[in-house]
C-alpha atoms as a PDB file:
ATOM      1  CA  UNK A   1       0.000   0.000   0.000  1.00  0.00           C
ATOM      2  CA  UNK A   2       2.516   2.548   1.099  1.00  0.00           C
ATOM      3  CA  UNK A   3       5.182   1.915  -1.515  1.00  0.00           C
ATOM      4  CA  UNK A   4       5.370   3.564  -4.887  1.00  0.00           C
ATOM      5  CA  UNK A   5       6.751   1.792  -7.941  1.00  0.00           C
ATOM      6  CA  UNK A   6      10.286   2.816  -7.036  1.00  0.00           C
ATOM      7  CA  UNK A   7       9.992   1.263  -3.584  1.00  0.00           C
ATOM      8  CA  UNK A   8       9.953   4.502  -1.651  1.00  0.00           C
ATOM      9  CA  UNK A   9       7.329   5.388   0.938  1.00  0.00           C
ATOM     10  CA  UNK A  10       4.432   7.535  -0.163  1.00  0.00           C
ATOM     11  CA  UNK A  11       4.376  11.226   0.637  1.00  0.00           C
ATOM     12  CA  UNK A  12       1.128  12.219   2.309  1.00  0.00           C
ATOM     13  CA  UNK A  13       0.136  15.442   4.022  1.00  0.00           C
ATOM     14  CA  UNK A  14      -2.887  14.485   6.063  1.00  0.00           C
ATOM     15  CA  UNK A  15      -1.749  15.087   9.631  1.00  0.00           C
ATOM     16  CA  UNK A  16      -0.005  18.342   8.646  1.00  0.00           C
ATOM     17  CA  UNK A  17       2.890  17.258  10.850  1.00  0.00           C
ATOM     18  CA  UNK A  18       5.966  15.910   9.026  1.00  0.00           C
ATOM     19  CA  UNK A  19       6.848  12.980  11.319  1.00  0.00           C
ATOM     20  CA  UNK A  20       3.239  11.866  11.629  1.00  0.00           C
ATOM     21  CA  UNK A  21       2.721  12.095   7.874  1.00  0.00           C
ATOM     22  CA  UNK A  22       5.941  10.182   7.234  1.00  0.00           C
ATOM     23  CA  UNK A  23       4.599   7.307   9.327  1.00  0.00           C
ATOM     24  CA  UNK A  24       1.246   7.373   7.538  1.00  0.00           C
ATOM     25  CA  UNK A  25       3.086   7.180   4.218  1.00  0.00           C
ATOM     26  CA  UNK A  26       4.938   3.984   5.086  1.00  0.00           C
ATOM     27  CA  UNK A  27       2.759   2.169   7.623  1.00  0.00           C
ATOM     28  CA  UNK A  28      -0.507   0.485   6.592  1.00  0.00           C
ATOM     29  CA  UNK A  29      -1.534   0.042  10.235  1.00  0.00           C
ATOM     30  CA  UNK A  30      -0.900   3.701  11.029  1.00  0.00           C
ATOM     31  CA  UNK A  31      -3.195   4.688   8.165  1.00  0.00           C
ATOM     32  CA  UNK A  32      -5.913   2.313   9.365  1.00  0.00           C
ATOM     33  CA  UNK A  33      -5.646   3.506  12.971  1.00  0.00           C
ATOM     34  CA  UNK A  34      -5.752   7.126  11.850  1.00  0.00           C
ATOM     35  CA  UNK A  35      -8.936   6.406   9.922  1.00  0.00           C
ATOM     36  CA  UNK A  36     -10.418   4.654  12.936  1.00  0.00           C
ATOM     37  CA  UNK A  37      -9.675   7.666  15.144  1.00  0.00           C
ATOM     38  CA  UNK A  38     -11.150  10.086  12.602  1.00  0.00           C
ATOM     39  CA  UNK A  39     -14.445  10.852  14.267  1.00  0.00           C
ATOM     40  CA  UNK A  40     -15.523  13.669  16.562  1.00  0.00           C
ATOM     41  CA  UNK A  41     -12.042  15.206  16.490  1.00  0.00           C
ATOM     42  CA  UNK A  42     -10.202  17.342  13.908  1.00  0.00           C
ATOM     43  CA  UNK A  43      -8.727  15.257  11.099  1.00  0.00           C
ATOM     44  CA  UNK A  44      -5.173  16.350  11.872  1.00  0.00           C
ATOM     45  CA  UNK A  45      -5.568  15.228  15.493  1.00  0.00           C
ATOM     46  CA  UNK A  46      -6.870  11.819  14.430  1.00  0.00           C
ATOM     47  CA  UNK A  47      -4.094  11.161  11.918  1.00  0.00           C
ATOM     48  CA  UNK A  48      -1.345  12.387  14.238  1.00  0.00           C
ATOM     49  CA  UNK A  49      -2.541   9.802  16.773  1.00  0.00           C
ATOM     50  CA  UNK A  50      -0.724   6.792  15.250  1.00  0.00           C
ATOM     51  CA  UNK A  51       2.635   8.585  15.434  1.00  0.00           C
ATOM     52  CA  UNK A  52       2.051   9.653  19.032  1.00  0.00           C
ATOM     53  CA  UNK A  53       0.954   6.125  19.937  1.00  0.00           C
ATOM     54  CA  UNK A  54       4.024   4.555  18.308  1.00  0.00           C
ATOM     55  CA  UNK A  55       6.293   6.953  20.146  1.00  0.00           C
ATOM     56  CA  UNK A  56       4.612   6.183  23.473  1.00  0.00           C
ATOM     57  CA  UNK A  57       5.098   2.485  22.757  1.00  0.00           C
ATOM     58  CA  UNK A  58       8.793   3.122  22.180  1.00  0.00           C
ATOM     59  CA  UNK A  59       8.704   2.286  18.481  1.00  0.00           C
ATOM     60  CA  UNK A  60       8.856   3.955  15.087  1.00  0.00           C
ATOM     61  CA  UNK A  61       5.872   1.953  13.788  1.00  0.00           C
ATOM     62  CA  UNK A  62       2.753   0.152  14.960  1.00  0.00           C
ATOM     63  CA  UNK A  63       2.457  -3.629  15.104  1.00  0.00           C
ATOM     64  CA  UNK A  64      -0.948  -5.310  15.175  1.00  0.00           C
ATOM     65  CA  UNK A  65       0.239  -8.327  17.172  1.00  0.00           C
ATOM     66  CA  UNK A  66       1.908  -6.170  19.811  1.00  0.00           C
ATOM     67  CA  UNK A  67      -1.152  -3.952  20.203  1.00  0.00           C
ATOM     68  CA  UNK A  68      -3.564  -6.899  20.341  1.00  0.00           C
ATOM     69  CA  UNK A  69      -1.487  -8.538  23.093  1.00  0.00           C
ATOM     70  CA  UNK A  70      -1.004  -5.327  25.103  1.00  0.00           C
ATOM     71  CA  UNK A  71      -2.483  -5.185  28.594  1.00  0.00           C
ATOM     72  CA  UNK A  72      -5.795  -3.325  28.090  1.00  0.00           C
ATOM     73  CA  UNK A  73      -5.382  -1.033  31.089  1.00  0.00           C
ATOM     74  CA  UNK A  74      -1.828  -0.132  30.126  1.00  0.00           C
ATOM     75  CA  UNK A  75      -2.900   0.443  26.524  1.00  0.00           C
ATOM     76  CA  UNK A  76      -5.695   2.733  27.654  1.00  0.00           C
ATOM     77  CA  UNK A  77      -3.143   4.692  29.650  1.00  0.00           C
ATOM     78  CA  UNK A  78      -1.182   5.279  26.442  1.00  0.00           C
ATOM     79  CA  UNK A  79      -4.287   6.985  25.073  1.00  0.00           C
ATOM     80  CA  UNK A  80      -5.280   8.921  28.183  1.00  0.00           C
ATOM     81  CA  UNK A  81      -1.843  10.307  29.042  1.00  0.00           C
ATOM     82  CA  UNK A  82      -1.912  14.026  28.327  1.00  0.00           C
ATOM     83  CA  UNK A  83      -2.127  15.181  25.674  1.00  0.00           C
ATOM     84  CA  UNK A  84      -4.802  12.535  25.112  1.00  0.00           C
ATOM     85  CA  UNK A  85      -4.863  10.812  21.728  1.00  0.00           C
ATOM     86  CA  UNK A  86      -8.591  11.420  21.264  1.00  0.00           C
ATOM     87  CA  UNK A  87     -11.555  13.202  22.767  1.00  0.00           C
ATOM     88  CA  UNK A  88     -12.719   9.765  23.951  1.00  0.00           C
ATOM     89  CA  UNK A  89      -9.377   8.080  24.663  1.00  0.00           C
ATOM     90  CA  UNK A  90     -10.692   5.131  26.675  1.00  0.00           C
ATOM     91  CA  UNK A  91     -13.212   3.932  24.121  1.00  0.00           C
ATOM     92  CA  UNK A  92     -10.832   4.542  21.252  1.00  0.00           C
ATOM     93  CA  UNK A  93      -8.056   2.571  22.914  1.00  0.00           C
ATOM     94  CA  UNK A  94     -10.457  -0.360  23.131  1.00  0.00           C
ATOM     95  CA  UNK A  95     -11.446   0.016  19.475  1.00  0.00           C
ATOM     96  CA  UNK A  96      -7.843   0.083  18.308  1.00  0.00           C
ATOM     97  CA  UNK A  97      -7.123  -3.121  20.200  1.00  0.00           C
ATOM     98  CA  UNK A  98     -10.249  -4.732  18.732  1.00  0.00           C
ATOM     99  CA  UNK A  99      -9.129  -3.711  15.240  1.00  0.00           C
ATOM    100  CA  UNK A 100      -5.667  -5.158  15.778  1.00  0.00           C
ATOM    101  CA  UNK A 101      -7.035  -8.395  17.225  1.00  0.00           C
ATOM    102  CA  UNK A 102      -9.218  -8.749  14.131  1.00  0.00           C
ATOM    103  CA  UNK A 103      -6.195  -8.187  11.895  1.00  0.00           C
ATOM    104  CA  UNK A 104      -4.295 -10.878  13.796  1.00  0.00           C
ATOM    105  CA  UNK A 105      -7.185 -13.339  13.577  1.00  0.00           C
ATOM    106  CA  UNK A 106      -8.172 -12.718   9.956  1.00  0.00           C
ATOM    107  CA  UNK A 107      -5.023 -11.426   8.236  1.00  0.00           C
ATOM    108  CA  UNK A 108      -2.119 -12.832  10.249  1.00  0.00           C
ATOM    109  CA  UNK A 109      -1.492  -9.370  11.687  1.00  0.00           C
ATOM    110  CA  UNK A 110      -0.813  -7.861   8.239  1.00  0.00           C
ATOM    111  CA  UNK A 111      -3.090  -4.857   7.656  1.00  0.00           C
ATOM    112  CA  UNK A 112      -2.005  -4.502   4.040  1.00  0.00           C
ATOM    113  CA  UNK A 113      -3.469  -7.955   3.382  1.00  0.00           C
ATOM    114  CA  UNK A 114      -6.926  -6.386   3.731  1.00  0.00           C
ATOM    115  CA  UNK A 115      -6.492  -4.801   0.304  1.00  0.00           C
ATOM    116  CA  UNK A 116      -3.456  -6.498  -1.257  1.00  0.00           C
ATOM    117  CA  UNK A 117      -5.404  -9.020  -3.351  1.00  0.00           C
ATOM    118  CA  UNK A 118      -8.888  -7.527  -3.448  1.00  0.00           C
ATOM    119  CA  UNK A 119     -10.123  -8.161  -6.981  1.00  0.00           C
ATOM    120  CA  UNK A 120     -12.812  -5.489  -7.109  1.00  0.00           C
ATOM    121  CA  UNK A 121     -13.764  -2.304  -5.356  1.00  0.00           C
ATOM    122  CA  UNK A 122     -16.882  -4.000  -4.032  1.00  0.00           C
ATOM    123  CA  UNK A 123     -14.818  -6.786  -2.499  1.00  0.00           C
ATOM    124  CA  UNK A 124     -12.447  -4.285  -0.898  1.00  0.00           C
ATOM    125  CA  UNK A 125     -15.355  -2.271   0.491  1.00  0.00           C
ATOM    126  CA  UNK A 126     -16.782  -5.445   2.017  1.00  0.00           C
ATOM    127  CA  UNK A 127     -13.445  -6.232   3.687  1.00  0.00           C
ATOM    128  CA  UNK A 128     -13.056  -2.702   5.039  1.00  0.00           C
ATOM    129  CA  UNK A 129     -16.642  -2.625   6.256  1.00  0.00           C
ATOM    130  CA  UNK A 130     -15.966  -5.783   8.255  1.00  0.00           C
ATOM    131  CA  UNK A 131     -13.171  -4.127  10.248  1.00  0.00           C
ATOM    132  CA  UNK A 132     -14.117  -3.312  13.851  1.00  0.00           C
ATOM    133  CA  UNK A 133     -14.994   0.371  14.116  1.00  0.00           C
ATOM    134  CA  UNK A 134     -15.508   0.776  10.358  1.00  0.00           C
ATOM    135  CA  UNK A 135     -19.039   1.478   9.185  1.00  0.00           C
ATOM    136  CA  UNK A 136     -19.950   1.939   5.533  1.00  0.00           C
ATOM    137  CA  UNK A 137     -19.031   5.627   5.407  1.00  0.00           C
ATOM    138  CA  UNK A 138     -15.642   5.150   7.061  1.00  0.00           C
ATOM    139  CA  UNK A 139     -14.956   2.155   4.809  1.00  0.00           C
ATOM    140  CA  UNK A 140     -15.804   4.176   1.696  1.00  0.00           C
ATOM    141  CA  UNK A 141     -13.592   7.082   2.788  1.00  0.00           C
ATOM    142  CA  UNK A 142     -10.653   4.771   3.452  1.00  0.00           C
ATOM    143  CA  UNK A 143     -11.218   3.017   0.129  1.00  0.00           C
ATOM    144  CA  UNK A 144     -11.093   6.432  -1.548  1.00  0.00           C
ATOM    145  CA  UNK A 145      -7.908   7.261   0.371  1.00  0.00           C
ATOM    146  CA  UNK A 146      -6.291   4.034  -0.809  1.00  0.00           C
ATOM    147  CA  UNK A 147      -7.233   4.751  -4.404  1.00  0.00           C
ATOM    148  CA  UNK A 148      -6.421   8.440  -4.535  1.00  0.00           C
ATOM    149  CA  UNK A 149      -3.215   8.569  -2.524  1.00  0.00           C
ATOM    150  CA  UNK A 150      -1.813   5.008  -2.422  1.00  0.00           C
ATOM    151  CA  UNK A 151      -2.678   3.696  -5.904  1.00  0.00           C
ATOM    152  CA  UNK A 152      -4.709   0.778  -4.534  1.00  0.00           C
ATOM    153  CA  UNK A 153      -7.193   0.693  -7.384  1.00  0.00           C
ATOM    154  CA  UNK A 154      -9.058  -2.565  -7.945  1.00  0.00           C
ATOM    155  CA  UNK A 155     -11.689  -2.545 -10.662  1.00  0.00           C
ATOM    156  CA  UNK A 156     -14.623  -0.359  -9.695  1.00  0.00           C
ATOM    157  CA  UNK A 157     -12.918   1.292  -6.732  1.00  0.00           C
ATOM    158  CA  UNK A 158     -14.348   4.749  -7.414  1.00  0.00           C
ATOM    159  CA  UNK A 159     -17.867   3.391  -7.670  1.00  0.00           C
ATOM    160  CA  UNK A 160     -17.451   1.392  -4.454  1.00  0.00           C
ATOM    161  CA  UNK A 161     -16.189   4.500  -2.668  1.00  0.00           C
ATOM    162  CA  UNK A 162     -19.325   6.394  -3.671  1.00  0.00           C
ATOM    163  CA  UNK A 163     -19.076  10.181  -3.781  1.00  0.00           C
ATOM    164  CA  UNK A 164     -15.798   9.988  -1.828  1.00  0.00           C
ATOM    165  CA  UNK A 165     -14.189   8.424  -4.890  1.00  0.00           C
ATOM    166  CA  UNK A 166     -15.162  11.275  -7.218  1.00  0.00           C
ATOM    167  CA  UNK A 167     -12.204  12.843  -8.945  1.00  0.00           C
ATOM    168  CA  UNK A 168     -11.573  16.441  -7.904  1.00  0.00           C
ATOM    169  CA  UNK A 169     -13.844  16.266  -4.873  1.00  0.00           C
ATOM    170  CA  UNK A 170     -13.023  17.697  -1.454  1.00  0.00           C
ATOM    171  CA  UNK A 171     -15.269  15.602   0.759  1.00  0.00           C
ATOM    172  CA  UNK A 172     -12.961  13.712   3.081  1.00  0.00           C
ATOM    173  CA  UNK A 173      -9.465  12.934   4.292  1.00  0.00           C
ATOM    174  CA  UNK A 174      -8.950  11.077   1.009  1.00  0.00           C
ATOM    175  CA  UNK A 175      -8.719  14.480  -0.682  1.00  0.00           C
ATOM    176  CA  UNK A 176      -6.266  16.149   1.706  1.00  0.00           C
ATOM    177  CA  UNK A 177      -2.885  16.823   0.140  1.00  0.00           C
ATOM    178  CA  UNK A 178      -1.901  19.937   2.102  1.00  0.00           C
ATOM    179  CA  UNK A 179      -3.230  22.923   4.076  1.00  0.00           C
ATOM    180  CA  UNK A 180      -5.331  24.334   1.216  1.00  0.00           C
ATOM    181  CA  UNK A 181      -7.172  21.092   0.501  1.00  0.00           C
ATOM    182  CA  UNK A 182      -7.605  20.544   4.248  1.00  0.00           C
ATOM    183  CA  UNK A 183      -9.423  23.885   4.414  1.00  0.00           C
ATOM    184  CA  UNK A 184     -11.590  22.910   1.441  1.00  0.00           C
ATOM    185  CA  UNK A 185     -12.528  19.570   3.004  1.00  0.00           C
ATOM    186  CA  UNK A 186     -13.297  21.255   6.312  1.00  0.00           C
ATOM    187  CA  UNK A 187     -15.516  23.793   4.539  1.00  0.00           C
ATOM    188  CA  UNK A 188     -17.362  20.972   2.767  1.00  0.00           C
ATOM    189  CA  UNK A 189     -17.967  19.182   6.058  1.00  0.00           C
ATOM    190  CA  UNK A 190     -19.375  22.370   7.570  1.00  0.00           C
ATOM    191  CA  UNK A 191     -21.720  22.821   4.611  1.00  0.00           C
ATOM    192  CA  UNK A 192     -22.788  19.186   4.880  1.00  0.00           C
ATOM    193  CA  UNK A 193     -23.607  19.591   8.569  1.00  0.00           C
ATOM    194  CA  UNK A 194     -25.588  22.749   7.891  1.00  0.00           C
ATOM    195  CA  UNK A 195     -27.464  21.025   5.071  1.00  0.00           C
ATOM    196  CA  UNK A 196     -28.235  18.026   7.281  1.00  0.00           C
ATOM    197  CA  UNK A 197     -29.707  20.303   9.940  1.00  0.00           C
ATOM    198  CA  UNK A 198     -31.844  21.935   7.239  1.00  0.00           C
ATOM    199  CA  UNK A 199     -32.898  18.576   5.821  1.00  0.00           C
ATOM    200  CA  UNK A 200     -30.958  19.033   2.578  1.00  0.00           C
ATOM    201  CA  UNK A 201     -28.100  17.162   0.929  1.00  0.00           C
ATOM    202  CA  UNK A 202     -24.885  18.509  -0.592  1.00  0.00           C
END
């Protein structure tokens, strides 16, 4: 997922913090955890979380087996230590461990195996939707992120991602490539919330 054709890590600018973005560009699990954390907090906060978590675990990457086997109380403390990794650090710590346990059970602890051999966008969406903490919307956004920024593009990936897969859109984290696009995505989300309150769609 995170390697380009020349074998180098991808360059992403989602967290807007160089070290955090560097991790997202080379670590499939960091990208998945960032997506999991991306709710009810600013996007940059969510996607900086994997880097902060790795650092608190004394590592330069995240490992699904290590996280799944971590003492739950101690793992929660990694999230709650100030500055907290999320607005709801306790529940999110539990969700991250559930996600990693699922990856261990179903994919031998290899997060990239979720999408490595998916033959179609529909199949990939089904796999992502099955991940703990991933509903349909989150699965579609992550599918769009994989396609737009990591060149994971099985047949029909844009269609499976729904509106999040549209070329040139600014709907989600999949479309963030720097500060300007972050502002555009944030503005779209604000319009969407206002439209929802008014009973309209955008």
